[in-house]
Amino acid sequence: MDELRRACAEVADRARSVRVQTGAIPAYAAALRPAPLETQDPPEAPPGGSREERAAFWLTLDAINFGSGWFPTLHKREGHSGYHTIAAGLRERFEAHGPWSAGELGGLDAATLATVFAQDPGHELMSLFAASLQDLGQRLAAEPGSSFTGVIDGARGSAVALARRLGGWASFADCSHYEELELPFLKRAQIAAADLARAGVAAFGDLDRLTMFADNLVPHVLRLDGVLAFAPELVARIEAGELIAHDSPEEIEIRACALHAVELIVAAREAAGSPTRAADIDECLWTRGAQGRYKAAPRHRTRCTAY
């Protein structure tokens, strides 16, 4: 992931619509209270289950862990965000019927998923979910025994190796280009590795090499907390509810500058004697984003399968 870190630092240096407020980093880093993600119990997962079943849940969920640009148009459960609405529907499906097999994933359609998630079958997101899960099923079918854990164990204890492998699949693809720079954000592929570690499905020796999981919530938190500054015209577009096009310079700058800011936070905490991984900072800020202050202000919305 070092090539991604370098590319994001370069984007941050060139960016026209987003700036990292480097002077705010030391105090902000010192005030954070991140906890290791392995110590946090993920509320979305079904209780119990074999290692294969838990691997199936997290790989299935992270294959459809996108769509935030459409979330305002979903039928949300009472007290649930868009993400938690989808996660709850999948959890209940697993509790009632167990995981989908590779063959079943390959045959899923929008109507079936609309029933699982209690959504309109004509909603664009249901078709995108179906396409991603079909790809996941086809990839699994090529594995010995069509095993979810086989995919994980093939990474040989490396979160980065797993993220890179998943990132080569259509169901987890996420790479942007800014001028001549390539940015393999691999948001969902990286978070899959983190989720599997958090759920006790995998033990990775290199979680510290993962970056922040570049989405639209952590940049929002960093902006409201004064670590990122957006150009006034970009703020106006976001507050007006205008969609920010995926892979536009502004959208890439938002993701890349947030990732670079988290790297600076990690470095500041290291220098202060409180070493912390980027994944733990991400979890801390993502959780903070559920607070009322952050939910009350509009964040950028982009319709894509990256996040």
Protein backbone atom coordinates (compact mmCIF):
# COMPACT_ATOMS: atom_id res chain seq x y z
CA MET A 1 0.00 0.00 0.00
CA ASP A 2 3.03 2.28 0.06
CA GLU A 3 2.48 3.26 -3.57
CA LEU A 4 -1.00 4.46 -2.60
CA ARG A 5 0.40 6.46 0.29
CA ARG A 6 2.93 8.15 -1.99
CA ALA A 7 0.32 8.91 -4.64
CA CYS A 8 -2.07 10.41 -2.07
CA ALA A 9 0.70 12.60 -0.67
CA GLU A 10 1.35 13.85 -4.21
CA VAL A 11 -2.35 14.53 -4.79
CA ALA A 12 -2.49 16.43 -1.50
CA ASP A 13 0.43 18.57 -2.67
CA ARG A 14 -1.24 19.36 -6.02
CA ALA A 15 -4.89 19.53 -4.94
CA ARG A 16 -6.93 22.57 -5.90
CA SER A 17 -10.22 21.90 -4.08
CA VAL A 18 -9.07 20.20 -0.86
CA ARG A 19 -6.22 21.05 1.49
CA VAL A 20 -4.78 19.25 4.49
CA GLN A 21 -4.41 21.63 7.43
CA THR A 22 -1.08 20.24 8.56
CA GLY A 23 -0.80 22.67 11.46
CA ALA A 24 -3.86 21.11 13.07
CA ILE A 25 -2.51 17.57 12.94
CA PRO A 26 -0.39 17.31 16.16
CA ALA A 27 -3.11 18.47 18.58
CA TYR A 28 -5.81 16.53 16.73
CA ALA A 29 -3.74 13.34 16.75
CA ALA A 30 -3.03 13.69 20.47
CA ALA A 31 -6.72 14.13 21.30
CA LEU A 32 -7.91 10.99 19.52
CA ARG A 33 -8.63 7.84 21.53
CA PRO A 34 -8.56 5.03 18.96
CA ALA A 35 -8.86 1.41 20.06
CA PRO A 36 -7.43 -1.60 18.22
CA LEU A 37 -10.11 -2.77 15.80
CA GLU A 38 -9.64 -6.39 16.94
CA THR A 39 -11.01 -5.42 20.37
CA GLN A 40 -14.29 -4.15 18.93
CA ASP A 41 -17.24 -6.48 18.51
CA PRO A 42 -18.85 -5.91 15.10
CA PRO A 43 -22.62 -5.62 15.72
CA GLU A 44 -23.59 -6.57 12.17
CA ALA A 45 -22.38 -10.18 12.21
CA PRO A 46 -24.63 -13.12 13.07
CA PRO A 47 -23.77 -14.63 16.45
CA GLY A 48 -21.64 -17.78 16.41
CA GLY A 49 -21.14 -19.72 13.22
CA SER A 50 -18.21 -21.67 11.90
CA ARG A 51 -15.10 -19.95 10.59
CA GLU A 52 -16.29 -20.65 7.03
CA GLU A 53 -19.69 -19.10 7.78
CA ARG A 54 -18.13 -16.01 9.34
CA ALA A 55 -15.75 -15.65 6.40
CA ALA A 56 -18.73 -15.96 4.06
CA PHE A 57 -20.63 -13.23 5.91
CA TRP A 58 -17.84 -10.67 5.81
CA LEU A 59 -16.75 -11.31 2.24
CA THR A 60 -20.37 -11.19 1.10
CA LEU A 61 -21.11 -8.00 3.02
CA ASP A 62 -17.96 -6.23 1.89
CA ALA A 63 -18.64 -7.19 -1.72
CA ILE A 64 -21.72 -4.95 -1.43
CA ASN A 65 -20.32 -2.43 1.05
CA PHE A 66 -20.91 0.47 -1.32
CA GLY A 67 -23.69 2.74 -2.48
CA SER A 68 -23.45 5.67 -0.07
CA GLY A 69 -24.38 7.96 -2.96
CA TRP A 70 -27.73 6.19 -3.15
CA PHE A 71 -28.33 5.81 0.60
CA PRO A 72 -30.64 8.84 0.86
CA THR A 73 -32.97 7.02 -1.58
CA LEU A 74 -33.11 3.70 0.31
CA HIS A 75 -35.90 2.56 2.62
CA LYS A 76 -33.97 2.65 5.88
CA ARG A 77 -34.83 0.72 9.01
CA GLU A 78 -35.80 2.73 12.04
CA GLY A 79 -32.64 4.13 13.61
CA HIS A 80 -30.39 2.58 10.94
CA SER A 81 -28.05 4.21 8.46
CA GLY A 82 -27.93 2.98 4.88
CA TYR A 83 -24.98 0.71 5.65
CA HIS A 84 -26.57 -0.75 8.77
CA THR A 85 -29.86 -1.27 6.94
CA ILE A 86 -28.10 -3.44 4.34
CA ALA A 87 -25.93 -5.20 6.95
CA ALA A 88 -28.99 -6.02 9.09
CA GLY A 89 -30.82 -7.51 6.11
CA LEU A 90 -27.84 -9.69 5.25
CA ARG A 91 -27.41 -10.77 8.87
CA GLU A 92 -31.04 -11.87 9.08
CA ARG A 93 -30.71 -13.79 5.82
CA PHE A 94 -27.65 -15.63 7.17
CA GLU A 95 -29.40 -16.36 10.47
CA ALA A 96 -32.42 -17.83 8.67
CA HIS A 97 -30.77 -19.68 5.79
CA GLY A 98 -27.00 -19.61 6.19
CA PRO A 99 -24.54 -18.30 3.60
CA TRP A 100 -25.13 -18.33 -0.10
CA SER A 101 -22.92 -20.88 -1.84
CA ALA A 102 -20.70 -19.88 -4.74
CA GLY A 103 -23.30 -21.20 -7.15
CA GLU A 104 -26.14 -19.36 -5.41
CA LEU A 105 -24.17 -16.10 -5.43
CA GLY A 106 -23.59 -16.51 -9.15
CA GLY A 107 -27.33 -16.74 -9.75
CA LEU A 108 -28.54 -13.86 -7.58
CA ASP A 109 -30.64 -11.14 -9.17
CA ALA A 110 -31.92 -7.71 -8.18
CA ALA A 111 -35.40 -8.98 -7.26
CA THR A 112 -34.00 -11.53 -4.80
CA LEU A 113 -31.76 -8.98 -3.15
CA ALA A 114 -34.57 -6.44 -2.96
CA THR A 115 -36.49 -8.97 -0.87
CA VAL A 116 -33.50 -9.59 1.40
CA PHE A 117 -32.93 -5.86 1.97
CA ALA A 118 -36.60 -4.75 1.84
CA GLN A 119 -35.99 -2.38 -1.07
CA ASP A 120 -37.63 -1.57 -4.39
CA PRO A 121 -36.49 -4.23 -6.91
CA GLY A 122 -36.11 -1.48 -9.51
CA HIS A 123 -33.62 0.45 -7.38
CA GLU A 124 -30.32 0.77 -9.25
CA LEU A 125 -28.35 -0.33 -6.22
CA MET A 126 -30.02 -3.76 -6.19
CA SER A 127 -28.73 -4.46 -9.72
CA LEU A 128 -25.25 -3.28 -8.76
CA PHE A 129 -25.31 -5.48 -5.66
CA ALA A 130 -26.37 -8.45 -7.78
CA ALA A 131 -23.54 -7.89 -10.26
CA SER A 132 -20.97 -7.70 -7.47
CA LEU A 133 -22.23 -10.84 -5.74
CA GLN A 134 -22.38 -12.71 -9.03
CA ASP A 135 -18.71 -11.89 -9.57
CA LEU A 136 -17.90 -13.00 -6.03
CA GLY A 137 -19.65 -16.31 -6.69
CA GLN A 138 -17.79 -16.85 -9.94
CA ARG A 139 -14.45 -16.13 -8.25
CA LEU A 140 -15.26 -18.52 -5.40
CA ALA A 141 -16.31 -21.23 -7.83
CA ALA A 142 -12.76 -21.21 -9.18
CA GLU A 143 -11.34 -21.84 -5.68
CA PRO A 144 -10.59 -25.38 -4.42
CA GLY A 145 -13.79 -26.44 -2.69
CA SER A 146 -15.35 -23.04 -3.49
CA SER A 147 -14.22 -22.02 -0.01
CA PHE A 148 -14.42 -18.54 1.50
CA THR A 149 -11.70 -19.42 4.00
CA GLY A 150 -9.57 -20.72 1.15
CA VAL A 151 -9.45 -17.22 -0.28
CA ILE A 152 -8.36 -15.84 3.07
CA ASP A 153 -5.80 -18.55 3.82
CA GLY A 154 -4.31 -18.07 0.37
CA ALA A 155 -3.08 -14.68 1.56
CA ARG A 156 -0.73 -16.48 3.98
CA GLY A 157 -1.33 -14.13 6.89
CA SER A 158 -0.99 -10.91 4.89
CA ALA A 159 -3.82 -8.37 4.92
CA VAL A 160 -2.15 -6.52 2.06
CA ALA A 161 -1.91 -9.67 -0.06
CA LEU A 162 -5.61 -10.37 0.53
CA ALA A 163 -6.59 -6.78 -0.28
CA ARG A 164 -4.57 -6.81 -3.48
CA ARG A 165 -6.07 -10.11 -4.57
CA LEU A 166 -9.62 -9.00 -3.86
CA GLY A 167 -8.91 -5.69 -5.56
CA GLY A 168 -8.30 -7.57 -8.78
CA TRP A 169 -11.88 -8.85 -8.78
CA ALA A 170 -14.73 -6.80 -10.26
CA SER A 171 -16.61 -7.22 -6.97
CA PHE A 172 -13.91 -5.28 -5.06
CA ALA A 173 -12.28 -3.13 -7.77
CA ASP A 174 -11.39 0.46 -6.76
CA CYS A 175 -8.61 2.31 -8.58
CA SER A 176 -8.64 5.98 -9.60
CA HIS A 177 -6.35 8.13 -11.74
CA TYR A 178 -5.36 11.73 -11.08
CA GLU A 179 -3.33 13.26 -13.87
CA GLU A 180 -0.56 10.65 -14.35
CA LEU A 181 -0.97 9.17 -10.86
CA GLU A 182 -2.61 5.81 -10.19
CA LEU A 183 -4.42 5.49 -6.85
CA PRO A 184 -5.43 1.91 -5.96
CA PHE A 185 -7.63 2.94 -3.01
CA LEU A 186 -9.04 -0.61 -2.64
CA LYS A 187 -11.37 0.67 0.06
CA ARG A 188 -13.60 -2.38 0.30
CA ALA A 189 -10.79 -4.90 -0.27
CA GLN A 190 -8.83 -3.35 2.59
CA ILE A 191 -11.82 -3.14 4.90
CA ALA A 192 -12.60 -6.79 4.19
CA ALA A 193 -9.19 -7.72 5.60
CA ALA A 194 -9.83 -5.53 8.64
CA ASP A 195 -13.33 -6.95 9.16
CA LEU A 196 -12.05 -10.52 8.96
CA ALA A 197 -9.38 -9.74 11.54
CA ARG A 198 -11.89 -7.98 13.79
CA ALA A 199 -14.23 -10.98 13.56
CA GLY A 200 -11.45 -13.40 14.50
CA VAL A 201 -11.61 -15.15 11.12
CA ALA A 202 -8.04 -14.28 10.16
CA ALA A 203 -4.80 -13.33 11.87
CA PHE A 204 -2.78 -10.90 9.79
CA GLY A 205 0.72 -9.79 10.67
CA ASP A 206 0.67 -6.62 8.60
CA LEU A 207 -2.52 -4.74 9.49
CA ASP A 208 -0.31 -1.72 10.07
CA ARG A 209 0.37 -1.62 6.31
CA LEU A 210 -3.29 -0.99 5.49
CA THR A 211 -4.32 2.59 4.81
CA MET A 212 -7.46 4.43 5.81
CA PHE A 213 -10.53 3.04 4.04
CA ALA A 214 -11.22 5.96 1.71
CA ASP A 215 -14.95 6.75 1.68
CA ASN A 216 -17.13 9.83 2.12
CA LEU A 217 -17.63 9.80 5.91
CA VAL A 218 -14.09 10.05 7.29
CA PRO A 219 -13.27 13.03 5.00
CA HIS A 220 -16.48 14.66 6.24
CA VAL A 221 -15.43 14.20 9.87
CA LEU A 222 -11.94 15.53 9.13
CA ARG A 223 -13.42 18.59 7.40
CA LEU A 224 -15.78 19.44 10.25
CA ASP A 225 -12.95 18.88 12.72
CA GLY A 226 -10.71 21.35 10.87
CA VAL A 227 -8.15 18.88 9.53
CA LEU A 228 -9.32 19.20 5.93
CA ALA A 229 -10.40 22.42 4.21
CA PHE A 230 -12.60 22.31 1.11
CA ALA A 231 -12.80 25.12 -1.42
CA PRO A 232 -15.93 27.25 -0.83
CA GLU A 233 -17.41 26.27 -4.19
CA LEU A 234 -17.01 22.57 -3.35
CA VAL A 235 -18.67 23.08 0.04
CA ALA A 236 -21.55 24.89 -1.68
CA ARG A 237 -22.05 22.00 -4.10
CA ILE A 238 -22.05 19.46 -1.28
CA GLU A 239 -24.45 21.49 0.86
CA ALA A 240 -26.77 21.87 -2.15
CA GLY A 241 -26.92 18.08 -2.45
CA GLU A 242 -25.15 17.99 -5.81
CA LEU A 243 -23.59 14.62 -6.63
CA ILE A 244 -19.80 14.75 -6.96
CA ALA A 245 -18.81 12.62 -9.93
CA HIS A 246 -16.73 9.55 -9.22
CA ASP A 247 -13.14 9.94 -10.45
CA SER A 248 -13.55 13.68 -10.88
CA PRO A 249 -10.56 15.70 -9.60
CA GLU A 250 -12.60 16.94 -6.64
CA GLU A 251 -13.74 13.47 -5.60
CA ILE A 252 -10.24 12.00 -5.86
CA GLU A 253 -8.83 14.92 -3.89
CA ILE A 254 -11.36 14.36 -1.11
CA ARG A 255 -10.40 10.69 -0.77
CA ALA A 256 -6.66 11.15 -1.27
CA CYS A 257 -6.31 14.13 1.07
CA ALA A 258 -8.25 12.32 3.79
CA LEU A 259 -6.00 9.29 3.41
CA HIS A 260 -2.89 11.47 3.56
CA ALA A 261 -4.22 13.30 6.62
CA VAL A 262 -4.71 9.99 8.40
CA GLU A 263 -1.11 9.05 7.53
CA LEU A 264 0.04 12.33 9.08
CA ILE A 265 -2.04 11.55 12.18
CA VAL A 266 -0.41 8.11 12.39
CA ALA A 267 3.04 9.70 12.09
CA ALA A 268 2.23 12.31 14.74
CA ARG A 269 1.06 9.68 17.19
CA GLU A 270 4.17 7.58 16.48
CA ALA A 271 6.37 10.59 17.18
CA ALA A 272 4.49 11.21 20.45
CA GLY A 273 5.04 7.62 21.60
CA SER A 274 1.49 6.40 20.88
CA PRO A 275 1.87 4.19 17.80
CA THR A 276 -1.48 3.59 16.10
CA ARG A 277 -2.47 1.95 12.83
CA ALA A 278 -4.33 3.78 10.10
CA ALA A 279 -7.13 1.20 10.30
CA ASP A 280 -7.67 2.06 13.98
CA ILE A 281 -7.76 5.79 13.23
CA ASP A 282 -10.27 5.10 10.46
CA GLU A 283 -12.53 3.12 12.80
CA CYS A 284 -12.34 5.89 15.42
CA LEU A 285 -13.29 8.62 12.93
CA TRP A 286 -15.95 6.53 11.17
CA THR A 287 -17.61 5.88 14.53
CA ARG A 288 -17.40 9.57 15.40
CA GLY A 289 -19.25 10.31 12.18
CA ALA A 290 -22.43 8.79 13.64
CA GLN A 291 -22.66 11.63 16.17
CA GLY A 292 -25.34 14.27 15.68
CA ARG A 293 -22.97 17.11 14.77
CA TYR A 294 -21.63 15.21 11.79
CA LYS A 295 -24.96 13.75 10.69
CA ALA A 296 -26.53 17.21 10.72
CA ALA A 297 -24.16 18.53 8.05
CA PRO A 298 -24.26 17.24 4.45
CA ARG A 299 -21.30 15.16 3.29
CA HIS A 300 -20.30 14.58 -0.30
CA ARG A 301 -22.31 11.98 -2.21
CA THR A 302 -20.90 10.04 -5.12
CA ARG A 303 -22.69 7.22 -6.92
CA CYS A 304 -20.12 4.50 -7.45
CA THR A 305 -19.23 0.98 -6.36
CA ALA A 306 -16.06 2.07 -4.55
CA TYR A 307 -17.79 3.15 -1.30
